[in-house]
């Protein structure tokens, strides 16, 4: 349900707010970001797919952060939720270390190139990538259910 709604939001919202016009006060922004982080931490711990995309969109739409700032904040929050999950999974001896390190290395390379692209293209160049990611996740979940 969240995937199609998120894709619809990205499709309908064609322009990123410019400058400080749409910003919240620092206190309101902080409260919203903490709430979003807790919500996404629970989602990421239970399930996880597309959590970064959801988090970025929530920070952008609900906390009124500029897209570049919401993307950077997403990376920090995702890092902490992933570290917490690693601790829990290690405690239950459920980590395939060699596979995790290999996949992690390639994930870091992908993130490096993706972040460089994002910084250069910002919202206009990444809207379609976000929609593509949400669509692929949606069909993957649909396929798994069937």
N, C-alpha and C. Protein backbone atom coordinates (compact mmCIF):
# COMPACT_ATOMS: atom_id res chain seq x y z
N UNK A 1 0.82 -1.20 0.00
CA UNK A 1 0.00 0.00 0.00
C UNK A 1 0.87 1.27 0.00
N UNK A 2 1.96 1.25 0.78
CA UNK A 2 2.83 2.42 0.84
C UNK A 2 3.56 2.69 -0.46
N UNK A 3 3.91 1.64 -1.16
CA UNK A 3 4.68 1.82 -2.40
C UNK A 3 3.91 2.60 -3.46
N UNK A 4 2.68 2.22 -3.80
CA UNK A 4 1.95 3.00 -4.80
C UNK A 4 1.67 4.43 -4.34
N UNK A 5 1.38 4.61 -3.05
CA UNK A 5 1.13 5.97 -2.53
C UNK A 5 2.39 6.84 -2.65
N UNK A 6 3.53 6.24 -2.33
CA UNK A 6 4.79 6.99 -2.43
C UNK A 6 5.10 7.35 -3.88
N UNK A 7 4.91 6.39 -4.77
CA UNK A 7 5.15 6.66 -6.19
C UNK A 7 4.22 7.76 -6.69
N UNK A 8 2.96 7.70 -6.28
CA UNK A 8 2.00 8.75 -6.66
C UNK A 8 2.42 10.12 -6.17
N UNK A 9 2.92 10.18 -4.95
CA UNK A 9 3.39 11.45 -4.39
C UNK A 9 4.54 12.00 -5.23
N UNK A 10 5.49 11.15 -5.58
CA UNK A 10 6.64 11.60 -6.37
C UNK A 10 6.19 12.04 -7.76
N UNK A 11 5.25 11.31 -8.35
CA UNK A 11 4.75 11.69 -9.67
C UNK A 11 4.03 13.03 -9.65
N UNK A 12 3.22 13.26 -8.63
CA UNK A 12 2.43 14.49 -8.56
C UNK A 12 3.22 15.70 -8.10
N UNK A 13 4.23 15.49 -7.29
CA UNK A 13 5.03 16.59 -6.76
C UNK A 13 6.25 16.79 -7.66
N UNK A 14 6.10 17.63 -8.67
CA UNK A 14 7.14 17.77 -9.68
C UNK A 14 8.27 18.71 -9.29
N UNK A 15 8.03 19.60 -8.37
CA UNK A 15 9.07 20.56 -8.02
C UNK A 15 9.39 20.52 -6.54
N UNK A 16 10.68 20.64 -6.27
CA UNK A 16 11.12 20.74 -4.89
C UNK A 16 10.99 22.19 -4.44
N UNK A 17 10.50 22.45 -3.21
CA UNK A 17 10.45 23.81 -2.71
C UNK A 17 11.86 24.42 -2.71
N UNK A 18 11.95 25.65 -3.11
CA UNK A 18 13.24 26.33 -3.17
C UNK A 18 13.51 27.11 -1.90
N UNK A 19 14.76 27.14 -1.48
CA UNK A 19 15.18 27.96 -0.36
C UNK A 19 14.53 27.56 0.94
N UNK A 20 14.30 28.54 1.80
CA UNK A 20 13.77 28.32 3.13
C UNK A 20 12.26 28.55 3.19
N UNK A 21 11.60 28.76 2.06
CA UNK A 21 10.18 29.13 2.06
C UNK A 21 9.29 28.15 2.79
N UNK A 22 9.47 26.87 2.56
CA UNK A 22 8.58 25.88 3.15
C UNK A 22 9.09 25.29 4.45
N UNK A 23 10.20 25.79 4.99
CA UNK A 23 10.83 25.19 6.18
C UNK A 23 10.01 25.40 7.43
N UNK A 24 10.09 24.44 8.31
CA UNK A 24 9.47 24.53 9.63
C UNK A 24 10.47 25.16 10.59
N UNK A 25 10.00 25.55 11.76
CA UNK A 25 10.92 26.02 12.79
C UNK A 25 11.81 24.85 13.20
N UNK A 26 12.97 25.15 13.76
CA UNK A 26 13.92 24.09 14.12
C UNK A 26 13.29 23.10 15.10
N UNK A 27 12.52 23.60 16.06
CA UNK A 27 11.88 22.72 17.05
C UNK A 27 10.86 21.79 16.42
N UNK A 28 10.01 22.33 15.56
CA UNK A 28 8.99 21.49 14.89
C UNK A 28 9.65 20.48 13.96
N UNK A 29 10.67 20.93 13.25
CA UNK A 29 11.38 20.01 12.36
C UNK A 29 11.98 18.87 13.17
N UNK A 30 12.63 19.18 14.28
CA UNK A 30 13.28 18.17 15.12
C UNK A 30 12.25 17.15 15.63
N UNK A 31 11.10 17.63 16.11
CA UNK A 31 10.06 16.73 16.61
C UNK A 31 9.57 15.81 15.50
N UNK A 32 9.33 16.36 14.32
CA UNK A 32 8.86 15.53 13.20
C UNK A 32 9.92 14.52 12.77
N UNK A 33 11.18 14.96 12.73
CA UNK A 33 12.25 14.05 12.32
C UNK A 33 12.39 12.90 13.32
N UNK A 34 12.30 13.19 14.61
CA UNK A 34 12.39 12.14 15.63
C UNK A 34 11.23 11.15 15.46
N UNK A 35 10.02 11.66 15.27
CA UNK A 35 8.87 10.78 15.06
C UNK A 35 9.03 9.91 13.82
N UNK A 36 9.48 10.52 12.75
CA UNK A 36 9.70 9.78 11.50
C UNK A 36 10.78 8.72 11.70
N UNK A 37 11.85 9.09 12.40
CA UNK A 37 12.96 8.15 12.63
C UNK A 37 12.50 6.94 13.43
N UNK A 38 11.69 7.17 14.47
CA UNK A 38 11.18 6.05 15.27
C UNK A 38 10.29 5.15 14.41
N UNK A 39 9.37 5.75 13.69
CA UNK A 39 8.47 4.99 12.81
C UNK A 39 9.26 4.16 11.80
N UNK A 40 10.23 4.78 11.16
CA UNK A 40 11.00 4.08 10.14
C UNK A 40 11.95 3.06 10.76
N UNK A 41 12.42 3.32 11.96
CA UNK A 41 13.26 2.33 12.65
C UNK A 41 12.49 1.05 12.90
N UNK A 42 11.24 1.19 13.34
CA UNK A 42 10.39 0.01 13.56
C UNK A 42 10.13 -0.70 12.23
N UNK A 43 9.78 0.08 11.19
CA UNK A 43 9.53 -0.52 9.87
C UNK A 43 10.78 -1.25 9.38
N UNK A 44 11.92 -0.60 9.49
CA UNK A 44 13.18 -1.18 9.01
C UNK A 44 13.53 -2.45 9.79
N UNK A 45 13.27 -2.45 11.10
CA UNK A 45 13.56 -3.62 11.91
C UNK A 45 12.66 -4.80 11.58
N UNK A 46 11.39 -4.53 11.29
CA UNK A 46 10.45 -5.60 10.96
C UNK A 46 10.59 -6.08 9.53
N UNK A 47 10.75 -5.14 8.61
CA UNK A 47 10.68 -5.51 7.20
C UNK A 47 11.86 -4.96 6.42
N UNK A 48 11.88 -3.69 6.12
CA UNK A 48 13.05 -3.05 5.55
C UNK A 48 13.04 -2.56 4.12
N UNK A 49 12.51 -3.31 3.14
CA UNK A 49 12.62 -2.86 1.76
C UNK A 49 12.04 -1.47 1.53
N UNK A 50 12.78 -0.68 0.79
CA UNK A 50 12.41 0.69 0.40
C UNK A 50 12.37 1.65 1.59
N UNK A 51 12.92 1.24 2.74
CA UNK A 51 12.86 2.11 3.91
C UNK A 51 13.59 3.43 3.67
N UNK A 52 14.70 3.40 2.95
CA UNK A 52 15.42 4.63 2.65
C UNK A 52 14.60 5.59 1.80
N UNK A 53 13.91 5.04 0.82
CA UNK A 53 13.08 5.87 -0.04
C UNK A 53 11.91 6.46 0.74
N UNK A 54 11.24 5.61 1.55
CA UNK A 54 10.15 6.11 2.39
C UNK A 54 10.65 7.19 3.34
N UNK A 55 11.78 6.94 3.97
CA UNK A 55 12.33 7.89 4.93
C UNK A 55 12.64 9.23 4.26
N UNK A 56 13.28 9.19 3.11
CA UNK A 56 13.60 10.42 2.40
C UNK A 56 12.34 11.19 2.02
N UNK A 57 11.34 10.48 1.54
CA UNK A 57 10.09 11.14 1.15
C UNK A 57 9.36 11.72 2.37
N UNK A 58 9.37 11.00 3.49
CA UNK A 58 8.74 11.52 4.70
C UNK A 58 9.45 12.77 5.22
N UNK A 59 10.77 12.75 5.21
CA UNK A 59 11.52 13.94 5.65
C UNK A 59 11.24 15.12 4.74
N UNK A 60 11.11 14.85 3.47
CA UNK A 60 10.83 15.89 2.48
C UNK A 60 9.41 16.43 2.63
N UNK A 61 8.43 15.51 2.72
CA UNK A 61 7.02 15.91 2.72
C UNK A 61 6.51 16.33 4.09
N UNK A 62 6.90 15.64 5.14
CA UNK A 62 6.35 15.89 6.48
C UNK A 62 7.22 16.86 7.27
N UNK A 63 8.53 16.65 7.23
CA UNK A 63 9.43 17.54 7.98
C UNK A 63 9.83 18.77 7.17
N UNK A 64 9.40 18.83 5.91
CA UNK A 64 9.63 19.98 5.02
C UNK A 64 11.11 20.29 4.81
N UNK A 65 11.94 19.25 4.78
CA UNK A 65 13.37 19.44 4.52
C UNK A 65 13.59 19.54 3.02
N UNK A 66 14.57 20.33 2.60
CA UNK A 66 14.96 20.29 1.19
C UNK A 66 15.41 18.86 0.84
N UNK A 67 15.24 18.47 -0.41
CA UNK A 67 15.50 17.09 -0.79
C UNK A 67 16.94 16.66 -0.52
N UNK A 68 17.90 17.51 -0.79
CA UNK A 68 19.29 17.13 -0.56
C UNK A 68 19.53 16.88 0.92
N UNK A 69 18.98 17.73 1.77
CA UNK A 69 19.12 17.56 3.21
C UNK A 69 18.38 16.32 3.70
N UNK A 70 17.20 16.06 3.16
CA UNK A 70 16.46 14.87 3.59
C UNK A 70 17.19 13.61 3.15
N UNK A 71 17.83 13.65 2.01
CA UNK A 71 18.61 12.50 1.53
C UNK A 71 19.79 12.24 2.46
N UNK A 72 20.52 13.27 2.82
CA UNK A 72 21.67 13.11 3.70
C UNK A 72 21.23 12.62 5.08
N UNK A 73 20.15 13.19 5.61
CA UNK A 73 19.64 12.76 6.92
C UNK A 73 19.18 11.31 6.86
N UNK A 74 18.61 10.91 5.73
CA UNK A 74 18.21 9.51 5.53
C UNK A 74 19.39 8.57 5.68
N UNK A 75 20.51 8.95 5.11
CA UNK A 75 21.70 8.09 5.18
C UNK A 75 22.13 7.89 6.63
N UNK A 76 22.09 8.95 7.42
CA UNK A 76 22.51 8.87 8.82
C UNK A 76 21.54 7.99 9.61
N UNK A 77 20.24 8.20 9.42
CA UNK A 77 19.24 7.41 10.14
C UNK A 77 19.31 5.95 9.70
N UNK A 78 19.45 5.69 8.40
CA UNK A 78 19.57 4.32 7.92
C UNK A 78 20.79 3.62 8.51
N UNK A 79 21.89 4.34 8.61
CA UNK A 79 23.10 3.75 9.20
C UNK A 79 22.83 3.30 10.63
N UNK A 80 22.18 4.14 11.42
CA UNK A 80 21.94 3.77 12.81
C UNK A 80 20.94 2.62 12.93
N UNK A 81 19.90 2.61 12.10
CA UNK A 81 18.93 1.51 12.18
C UNK A 81 19.59 0.20 11.73
N UNK A 82 20.44 0.28 10.73
CA UNK A 82 21.13 -0.92 10.26
C UNK A 82 22.11 -1.44 11.30
N UNK A 83 22.82 -0.55 11.99
CA UNK A 83 23.73 -0.98 13.05
C UNK A 83 22.96 -1.67 14.18
N UNK A 84 21.82 -1.10 14.55
CA UNK A 84 21.00 -1.73 15.59
C UNK A 84 20.54 -3.12 15.16
N UNK A 85 20.11 -3.25 13.91
CA UNK A 85 19.67 -4.55 13.40
C UNK A 85 20.83 -5.55 13.38
N UNK A 86 22.01 -5.10 12.99
CA UNK A 86 23.18 -5.99 12.98
C UNK A 86 23.45 -6.54 14.37
N UNK A 87 23.38 -5.68 15.39
CA UNK A 87 23.61 -6.11 16.76
C UNK A 87 22.61 -7.21 17.14
N UNK A 88 21.33 -6.98 16.85
CA UNK A 88 20.29 -7.97 17.20
C UNK A 88 20.53 -9.27 16.45
N UNK A 89 20.81 -9.19 15.15
CA UNK A 89 21.02 -10.40 14.38
C UNK A 89 22.28 -11.15 14.81
N UNK A 90 23.35 -10.43 15.17
CA UNK A 90 24.56 -11.08 15.68
C UNK A 90 24.26 -11.81 16.99
N UNK A 91 23.45 -11.20 17.85
CA UNK A 91 23.09 -11.84 19.11
C UNK A 91 22.35 -13.15 18.90
N UNK A 92 21.67 -13.27 17.77
CA UNK A 92 20.93 -14.49 17.47
C UNK A 92 21.64 -15.37 16.44
N UNK A 93 22.92 -15.08 16.23
CA UNK A 93 23.75 -15.86 15.32
C UNK A 93 23.09 -16.04 13.95
N UNK A 94 22.56 -14.94 13.42
CA UNK A 94 21.84 -15.00 12.15
C UNK A 94 22.51 -14.15 11.07
N UNK A 95 23.83 -13.98 11.17
CA UNK A 95 24.53 -13.14 10.20
C UNK A 95 25.48 -14.00 9.38
N UNK A 96 25.39 -13.86 8.07
CA UNK A 96 26.34 -14.50 7.16
C UNK A 96 27.42 -13.46 6.86
N UNK A 97 28.47 -13.45 7.66
CA UNK A 97 29.45 -12.37 7.64
C UNK A 97 30.09 -12.21 6.27
N UNK A 98 30.57 -13.29 5.68
CA UNK A 98 31.26 -13.19 4.39
C UNK A 98 30.33 -12.62 3.31
N UNK A 99 29.13 -13.11 3.25
CA UNK A 99 28.16 -12.61 2.28
C UNK A 99 27.83 -11.15 2.58
N UNK A 100 27.60 -10.83 3.84
CA UNK A 100 27.27 -9.46 4.24
C UNK A 100 28.36 -8.46 3.88
N UNK A 101 29.61 -8.83 4.10
CA UNK A 101 30.72 -7.93 3.76
C UNK A 101 30.86 -7.75 2.25
N UNK A 102 30.66 -8.83 1.51
CA UNK A 102 30.74 -8.73 0.04
C UNK A 102 29.63 -7.84 -0.50
N UNK A 103 28.41 -8.11 -0.09
CA UNK A 103 27.28 -7.30 -0.55
C UNK A 103 27.42 -5.86 -0.06
N UNK A 104 27.89 -5.70 1.18
CA UNK A 104 28.10 -4.36 1.73
C UNK A 104 29.08 -3.54 0.91
N UNK A 105 30.16 -4.17 0.44
CA UNK A 105 31.14 -3.47 -0.39
C UNK A 105 30.50 -2.96 -1.67
N UNK A 106 29.74 -3.81 -2.34
CA UNK A 106 29.09 -3.39 -3.57
C UNK A 106 28.00 -2.37 -3.31
N UNK A 107 27.33 -2.48 -2.17
CA UNK A 107 26.33 -1.49 -1.78
C UNK A 107 27.00 -0.14 -1.58
N UNK A 108 28.18 -0.12 -0.95
CA UNK A 108 28.91 1.14 -0.74
C UNK A 108 29.29 1.77 -2.08
N UNK A 109 29.73 0.95 -3.03
CA UNK A 109 30.07 1.48 -4.35
C UNK A 109 28.84 2.08 -5.03
N UNK A 110 27.72 1.36 -4.97
CA UNK A 110 26.48 1.87 -5.54
C UNK A 110 26.04 3.16 -4.88
N UNK A 111 26.15 3.22 -3.57
CA UNK A 111 25.78 4.43 -2.84
C UNK A 111 26.68 5.61 -3.21
N UNK A 112 27.94 5.34 -3.38
CA UNK A 112 28.89 6.40 -3.76
C UNK A 112 28.48 7.02 -5.10
N UNK A 113 28.27 6.16 -6.09
CA UNK A 113 27.90 6.68 -7.41
C UNK A 113 26.50 7.28 -7.42
N UNK A 114 25.58 6.67 -6.67
CA UNK A 114 24.23 7.22 -6.57
C UNK A 114 24.22 8.59 -5.92
N UNK A 115 24.99 8.76 -4.85
CA UNK A 115 25.05 10.06 -4.17
C UNK A 115 25.67 11.13 -5.08
N UNK A 116 26.69 10.76 -5.81
CA UNK A 116 27.30 11.72 -6.76
C UNK A 116 26.27 12.16 -7.80
N UNK A 117 25.51 11.20 -8.33
CA UNK A 117 24.48 11.53 -9.31
C UNK A 117 23.43 12.44 -8.69
N UNK A 118 23.01 12.11 -7.48
CA UNK A 118 21.98 12.89 -6.79
C UNK A 118 22.43 14.33 -6.56
N UNK A 119 23.66 14.52 -6.15
CA UNK A 119 24.17 15.88 -5.89
C UNK A 119 24.17 16.70 -7.18
N UNK A 120 24.49 16.06 -8.29
CA UNK A 120 24.52 16.78 -9.57
C UNK A 120 23.13 17.05 -10.13
N UNK A 121 22.22 16.10 -10.00
CA UNK A 121 20.91 16.21 -10.66
C UNK A 121 19.79 16.67 -9.74
N UNK A 122 19.95 16.51 -8.43
CA UNK A 122 18.93 16.87 -7.44
C UNK A 122 17.59 16.24 -7.79
N UNK A 123 16.51 16.93 -7.51
CA UNK A 123 15.17 16.34 -7.62
C UNK A 123 14.78 16.03 -9.06
N UNK A 124 15.10 16.92 -9.97
CA UNK A 124 14.65 16.72 -11.35
C UNK A 124 15.21 15.45 -11.97
N UNK A 125 16.45 15.13 -11.67
CA UNK A 125 17.07 13.95 -12.26
C UNK A 125 16.80 12.66 -11.52
N UNK A 126 16.35 12.76 -10.28
CA UNK A 126 16.19 11.55 -9.49
C UNK A 126 14.75 11.11 -9.31
N UNK A 127 13.80 11.93 -9.68
CA UNK A 127 12.38 11.57 -9.53
C UNK A 127 12.09 10.22 -10.17
N UNK A 128 12.57 10.03 -11.37
CA UNK A 128 12.25 8.81 -12.11
C UNK A 128 12.97 7.60 -11.52
N UNK A 129 14.14 7.81 -10.95
CA UNK A 129 14.84 6.72 -10.28
C UNK A 129 14.06 6.30 -9.04
N UNK A 130 13.55 7.27 -8.28
CA UNK A 130 12.75 6.98 -7.10
C UNK A 130 11.51 6.20 -7.50
N UNK A 131 10.84 6.63 -8.55
CA UNK A 131 9.64 5.94 -9.03
C UNK A 131 10.00 4.52 -9.48
N UNK A 132 11.12 4.36 -10.17
CA UNK A 132 11.57 3.04 -10.61
C UNK A 132 11.81 2.12 -9.41
N UNK A 133 12.50 2.61 -8.39
CA UNK A 133 12.78 1.81 -7.19
C UNK A 133 11.48 1.38 -6.52
N UNK A 134 10.55 2.31 -6.36
CA UNK A 134 9.27 1.99 -5.74
C UNK A 134 8.49 0.97 -6.56
N UNK A 135 8.52 1.10 -7.88
CA UNK A 135 7.81 0.17 -8.76
C UNK A 135 8.41 -1.23 -8.68
N UNK A 136 9.74 -1.31 -8.73
CA UNK A 136 10.40 -2.62 -8.65
C UNK A 136 10.09 -3.29 -7.31
N UNK A 137 10.18 -2.52 -6.21
CA UNK A 137 9.85 -3.08 -4.89
C UNK A 137 8.41 -3.56 -4.84
N UNK A 138 7.50 -2.79 -5.40
CA UNK A 138 6.09 -3.16 -5.41
C UNK A 138 5.88 -4.49 -6.12
N UNK A 139 6.44 -4.62 -7.32
CA UNK A 139 6.24 -5.85 -8.09
C UNK A 139 6.97 -7.05 -7.46
N UNK A 140 8.09 -6.80 -6.82
CA UNK A 140 8.79 -7.87 -6.12
C UNK A 140 7.95 -8.39 -4.96
N UNK A 141 7.36 -7.50 -4.19
CA UNK A 141 6.50 -7.90 -3.07
C UNK A 141 5.26 -8.62 -3.61
N UNK A 142 4.68 -8.08 -4.67
CA UNK A 142 3.52 -8.71 -5.29
C UNK A 142 3.86 -10.12 -5.78
N UNK A 143 5.00 -10.27 -6.41
CA UNK A 143 5.46 -11.57 -6.90
C UNK A 143 5.65 -12.54 -5.74
N UNK A 144 6.24 -12.07 -4.63
CA UNK A 144 6.46 -12.93 -3.46
C UNK A 144 5.13 -13.38 -2.85
N UNK A 145 4.12 -12.51 -2.89
CA UNK A 145 2.82 -12.87 -2.34
C UNK A 145 2.10 -13.93 -3.18
N UNK A 146 2.33 -13.89 -4.48
CA UNK A 146 1.68 -14.83 -5.39
C UNK A 146 2.54 -16.06 -5.49
